[in-house]
């Protein structure tokens, strides 16, 4: 049964609440996806000489983007089909769309940075316009300008709703990251742990927390579809049994 068929437009706080509930329901697979893509670059960066760290960080940023796309695929299966996907199934489903996710996210990031250079406000506008471009690329398979345009169309008329949802999600995640970092910093400081190990552990803190951003962004994508396109009604119609054909009169 499609959960999307019974989904109503939700406020930012309701989307965040749904994100935590979906996160708990799929915790194992979300952490596996996050760990597979985020842990290897963090481990390699911890043992790599300084001149090569920038290249490793670049790879880590790319895998970060792929992880967002993979999480969007998992959320889509949960909402549209009420189906739990394993990490392997998610990566197979994402497949070649991973390149779309990377290119769309890079273009959106570049446009946002350029917007911030142009007096900040344009950067905020672009960031909101493109905030669901990653789920669009991962779920709908659109690329580059098509995905960015689709994201802008979904956000049109819902600018403040989208901005509030994304800001709230990032504030919660950053508060958790800072809290964990402070606790770990105090513990490691008393234990005289080397700085490189502290840096590694600090990066690994994001592994269980990072999926919350991907889940929230994906739920926002579906919320915008419900608001603007009646995606809930469409999903409900797909669940209805087919109308039997009328008998042909002799």
Protein backbone atom coordinates (compact mmCIF):
# COMPACT_ATOMS: atom_id res chain seq x y z
CA UNK A 1 0.00 0.00 0.00
CA UNK A 2 1.35 3.43 -0.96
CA UNK A 3 1.94 5.69 2.04
CA UNK A 4 2.03 8.63 -0.37
CA UNK A 5 -1.66 8.03 -1.17
CA UNK A 6 -2.53 8.98 2.42
CA UNK A 7 -0.08 11.89 2.74
CA UNK A 8 -1.33 15.44 3.26
CA UNK A 9 0.63 18.71 2.96
CA UNK A 10 2.73 19.10 6.09
CA UNK A 11 4.36 21.97 7.92
CA UNK A 12 8.16 22.09 8.31
CA UNK A 13 7.99 20.68 11.84
CA UNK A 14 5.77 17.82 10.65
CA UNK A 15 8.23 16.96 7.86
CA UNK A 16 11.07 16.90 10.40
CA UNK A 17 9.01 14.66 12.68
CA UNK A 18 8.28 12.31 9.76
CA UNK A 19 11.99 12.34 8.90
CA UNK A 20 12.91 11.06 12.36
CA UNK A 21 10.21 8.38 12.21
CA UNK A 22 11.35 7.19 8.78
CA UNK A 23 14.97 7.36 9.96
CA UNK A 24 14.18 5.07 12.90
CA UNK A 25 12.19 2.68 10.70
CA UNK A 26 15.06 2.29 8.20
CA UNK A 27 17.97 2.98 10.54
CA UNK A 28 20.08 -0.04 9.60
CA UNK A 29 19.97 0.46 5.83
CA UNK A 30 20.45 4.23 6.10
CA UNK A 31 23.57 3.81 8.23
CA UNK A 32 24.93 1.15 5.87
CA UNK A 33 24.44 3.49 2.89
CA UNK A 34 26.06 6.36 4.78
CA UNK A 35 28.94 4.24 6.07
CA UNK A 36 29.75 2.67 2.70
CA UNK A 37 30.10 6.07 1.06
CA UNK A 38 31.45 8.26 3.86
CA UNK A 39 33.73 6.03 5.93
CA UNK A 40 36.31 5.01 3.26
CA UNK A 41 37.24 8.61 2.31
CA UNK A 42 37.47 9.53 6.02
CA UNK A 43 39.77 6.60 6.76
CA UNK A 44 41.96 7.27 3.73
CA UNK A 45 42.19 10.98 4.59
CA UNK A 46 43.35 10.09 8.11
CA UNK A 47 46.42 8.24 6.79
CA UNK A 48 47.10 10.32 3.67
CA UNK A 49 49.97 12.86 3.64
CA UNK A 50 48.85 16.50 3.69
CA UNK A 51 49.61 17.28 -0.01
CA UNK A 52 47.05 14.68 -1.10
CA UNK A 53 44.32 15.48 1.40
CA UNK A 54 42.53 17.88 -0.95
CA UNK A 55 42.08 15.15 -3.56
CA UNK A 56 40.69 12.77 -0.93
CA UNK A 57 38.33 15.47 0.31
CA UNK A 58 37.08 15.97 -3.24
CA UNK A 59 36.33 12.25 -3.53
CA UNK A 60 34.60 12.39 -0.16
CA UNK A 61 32.42 15.28 -1.34
CA UNK A 62 31.38 13.30 -4.42
CA UNK A 63 30.47 10.23 -2.37
CA UNK A 64 28.51 12.55 -0.05
CA UNK A 65 26.40 13.58 -3.06
CA UNK A 66 25.86 9.98 -4.18
CA UNK A 67 24.74 9.10 -0.65
CA UNK A 68 22.08 11.80 -0.84
CA UNK A 69 20.78 10.31 -4.07
CA UNK A 70 20.78 6.80 -2.60
CA UNK A 71 18.78 7.99 0.41
CA UNK A 72 16.24 9.63 -1.92
CA UNK A 73 15.74 6.27 -3.68
CA UNK A 74 15.18 4.53 -0.34
CA UNK A 75 12.65 7.17 0.77
CA UNK A 76 10.82 6.94 -2.55
CA UNK A 77 10.41 3.18 -2.19
CA UNK A 78 9.16 3.60 1.38
CA UNK A 79 6.56 6.22 0.45
CA UNK A 80 5.41 5.08 -2.96
CA UNK A 81 5.45 1.33 -2.40
CA UNK A 82 5.70 0.99 1.40
CA UNK A 83 8.76 -1.16 0.65
CA UNK A 84 11.97 -1.43 2.65
CA UNK A 85 15.03 -1.59 0.39
CA UNK A 86 18.40 -2.97 1.40
CA UNK A 87 21.50 -0.91 0.71
CA UNK A 88 22.38 -3.20 -2.20
CA UNK A 89 18.95 -2.75 -3.77
CA UNK A 90 19.20 1.01 -3.33
CA UNK A 91 22.53 1.22 -5.15
CA UNK A 92 21.27 -1.02 -7.97
CA UNK A 93 18.16 1.15 -8.31
CA UNK A 94 20.21 4.35 -8.33
CA UNK A 95 22.61 2.93 -10.92
CA UNK A 96 23.58 5.33 -13.67
CA UNK A 97 21.49 8.07 -12.07
CA UNK A 98 24.37 8.58 -9.64
CA UNK A 99 26.16 10.60 -12.34
CA UNK A 100 23.05 12.79 -12.70
CA UNK A 101 22.99 13.34 -8.95
CA UNK A 102 26.64 14.40 -8.92
CA UNK A 103 26.40 16.77 -11.90
CA UNK A 104 23.13 18.35 -10.74
CA UNK A 105 24.42 18.85 -7.19
CA UNK A 106 27.68 20.40 -8.43
CA UNK A 107 25.85 22.81 -10.75
CA UNK A 108 23.43 23.76 -7.98
CA UNK A 109 26.35 24.32 -5.60
CA UNK A 110 28.25 26.49 -8.08
CA UNK A 111 25.15 28.58 -8.82
CA UNK A 112 24.51 29.01 -5.10
CA UNK A 113 28.08 30.15 -4.42
CA UNK A 114 27.88 32.63 -7.30
CA UNK A 115 24.61 33.87 -5.86
CA UNK A 116 26.19 34.43 -2.45
CA UNK A 117 29.01 36.35 -4.08
CA UNK A 118 26.33 38.59 -5.59
CA UNK A 119 25.18 40.10 -2.27
CA UNK A 120 24.01 36.91 -0.47
CA UNK A 121 20.26 37.19 -1.20
CA UNK A 122 20.55 35.68 -4.72
CA UNK A 123 22.48 32.78 -3.17
CA UNK A 124 19.66 32.05 -0.73
CA UNK A 125 17.12 32.19 -3.56
CA UNK A 126 19.13 29.79 -5.72
CA UNK A 127 19.73 27.44 -2.78
CA UNK A 128 15.99 27.20 -2.15
CA UNK A 129 15.11 26.88 -5.84
CA UNK A 130 17.50 23.95 -6.18
CA UNK A 131 16.90 22.36 -2.76
CA UNK A 132 15.11 19.28 -4.12
CA UNK A 133 17.17 18.89 -7.30
CA UNK A 134 19.01 15.87 -5.86
CA UNK A 135 15.80 13.85 -5.23
CA UNK A 136 14.61 14.90 -8.68
CA UNK A 137 17.79 13.55 -10.27
CA UNK A 138 17.77 10.34 -8.21
CA UNK A 139 14.05 9.52 -8.38
CA UNK A 140 12.95 10.98 -11.71
CA UNK A 141 16.23 10.48 -13.55
CA UNK A 142 16.42 14.05 -14.83
CA UNK A 143 19.81 15.67 -15.33
CA UNK A 144 21.41 19.11 -15.27
CA UNK A 145 19.09 21.96 -16.39
CA UNK A 146 16.04 19.69 -16.52
CA UNK A 147 16.48 18.64 -12.88
CA UNK A 148 17.21 22.19 -11.74
CA UNK A 149 14.18 23.50 -13.61
CA UNK A 150 11.99 20.77 -12.15
CA UNK A 151 13.17 21.67 -8.64
CA UNK A 152 12.40 25.34 -9.22
CA UNK A 153 8.92 24.47 -10.52
CA UNK A 154 8.19 22.41 -7.40
CA UNK A 155 9.40 25.16 -5.07
CA UNK A 156 7.50 27.92 -6.93
CA UNK A 157 4.88 29.34 -4.56
CA UNK A 158 6.36 27.39 -1.60
CA UNK A 159 9.61 29.34 -1.14
CA UNK A 160 9.29 30.06 2.58
CA UNK A 161 8.00 26.58 3.33
CA UNK A 162 11.00 25.00 1.58
CA UNK A 163 13.47 27.42 3.18
CA UNK A 164 12.06 26.85 6.66
CA UNK A 165 12.17 23.07 6.30
CA UNK A 166 15.77 22.97 5.09
CA UNK A 167 17.01 25.48 7.68
CA UNK A 168 15.26 23.62 10.51
CA UNK A 169 16.74 20.29 9.40
CA UNK A 170 20.28 21.68 9.18
CA UNK A 171 19.97 23.44 12.55
CA UNK A 172 18.96 20.18 14.23
CA UNK A 173 21.73 18.17 12.57
CA UNK A 174 24.40 20.78 13.29
CA UNK A 175 23.28 21.02 16.91
CA UNK A 176 23.68 17.25 17.22
CA UNK A 177 27.08 17.33 15.51
CA UNK A 178 28.34 20.13 17.77
CA UNK A 179 27.02 18.34 20.86
CA UNK A 180 28.74 15.08 19.95
CA UNK A 181 31.94 16.92 19.00
CA UNK A 182 32.09 18.73 22.35
CA UNK A 183 31.57 15.52 24.30
CA UNK A 184 34.16 13.63 22.26
CA UNK A 185 36.59 16.55 22.46
CA UNK A 186 36.40 16.58 26.25
CA UNK A 187 36.83 12.81 26.49
CA UNK A 188 39.71 12.67 24.03
CA UNK A 189 41.35 15.70 25.64
CA UNK A 190 41.46 13.92 28.99
CA UNK A 191 42.81 10.78 27.28
CA UNK A 192 45.44 12.74 25.26
CA UNK A 193 44.28 11.18 21.98
CA UNK A 194 46.32 12.32 18.91
CA UNK A 195 44.81 15.13 16.83
CA UNK A 196 44.61 12.93 13.73
CA UNK A 197 42.46 10.39 15.55
CA UNK A 198 40.22 13.16 16.90
CA UNK A 199 39.78 14.50 13.37
CA UNK A 200 38.90 11.02 12.08
CA UNK A 201 36.34 10.37 14.80
CA UNK A 202 34.87 13.82 14.23
CA UNK A 203 34.28 12.94 10.59
CA UNK A 204 32.75 9.60 11.47
CA UNK A 205 30.22 11.34 13.71
CA UNK A 206 28.44 12.42 10.53
CA UNK A 207 27.82 8.80 9.44
CA UNK A 208 24.71 8.23 11.59
CA UNK A 209 23.59 11.89 11.42
CA UNK A 210 24.02 12.64 7.72
CA UNK A 211 21.00 10.56 6.55
CA UNK A 212 18.64 12.92 8.37
CA UNK A 213 19.38 15.65 5.81
CA UNK A 214 18.80 13.30 2.88
CA UNK A 215 15.57 11.95 4.36
CA UNK A 216 14.23 15.44 5.09
CA UNK A 217 15.09 16.72 1.61
CA UNK A 218 13.38 13.71 0.03
CA UNK A 219 10.26 14.12 2.17
CA UNK A 220 10.20 17.82 1.24
CA UNK A 221 10.32 16.80 -2.44
CA UNK A 222 7.26 14.59 -2.01
CA UNK A 223 5.51 17.23 0.09
CA UNK A 224 5.96 19.76 -2.71
CA UNK A 225 4.59 17.25 -5.20
CA UNK A 226 1.55 16.71 -3.00
CA UNK A 227 1.01 20.48 -2.69
CA UNK A 228 1.56 21.36 -6.35
CA UNK A 229 0.66 18.25 -8.32
CA UNK A 230 -1.71 16.22 -6.17
CA UNK A 231 0.76 13.35 -5.97
CA UNK A 232 -1.28 11.85 -3.14
CA UNK A 233 -4.41 11.73 -5.31
CA UNK A 234 -2.42 10.23 -8.18
CA UNK A 235 -1.00 7.54 -5.90
CA UNK A 236 -4.48 6.79 -4.52
CA UNK A 237 -5.89 6.46 -8.03
CA UNK A 238 -3.17 3.94 -8.90
CA UNK A 239 -4.27 1.81 -5.94
CA UNK A 240 -7.87 1.56 -7.13
CA UNK A 241 -8.89 -1.66 -8.91
CA UNK A 242 -9.32 -1.34 -12.65
CA UNK A 243 -12.85 -0.66 -13.90
CA UNK A 244 -14.24 -3.80 -15.53
CA UNK A 245 -14.99 -3.49 -19.20
CA UNK A 246 -18.65 -3.11 -20.09
CA UNK A 247 -20.11 -6.17 -21.81
CA UNK A 248 -20.61 -5.76 -25.51
CA UNK A 249 -24.27 -5.81 -26.40
CA UNK A 250 -25.22 -8.49 -28.91
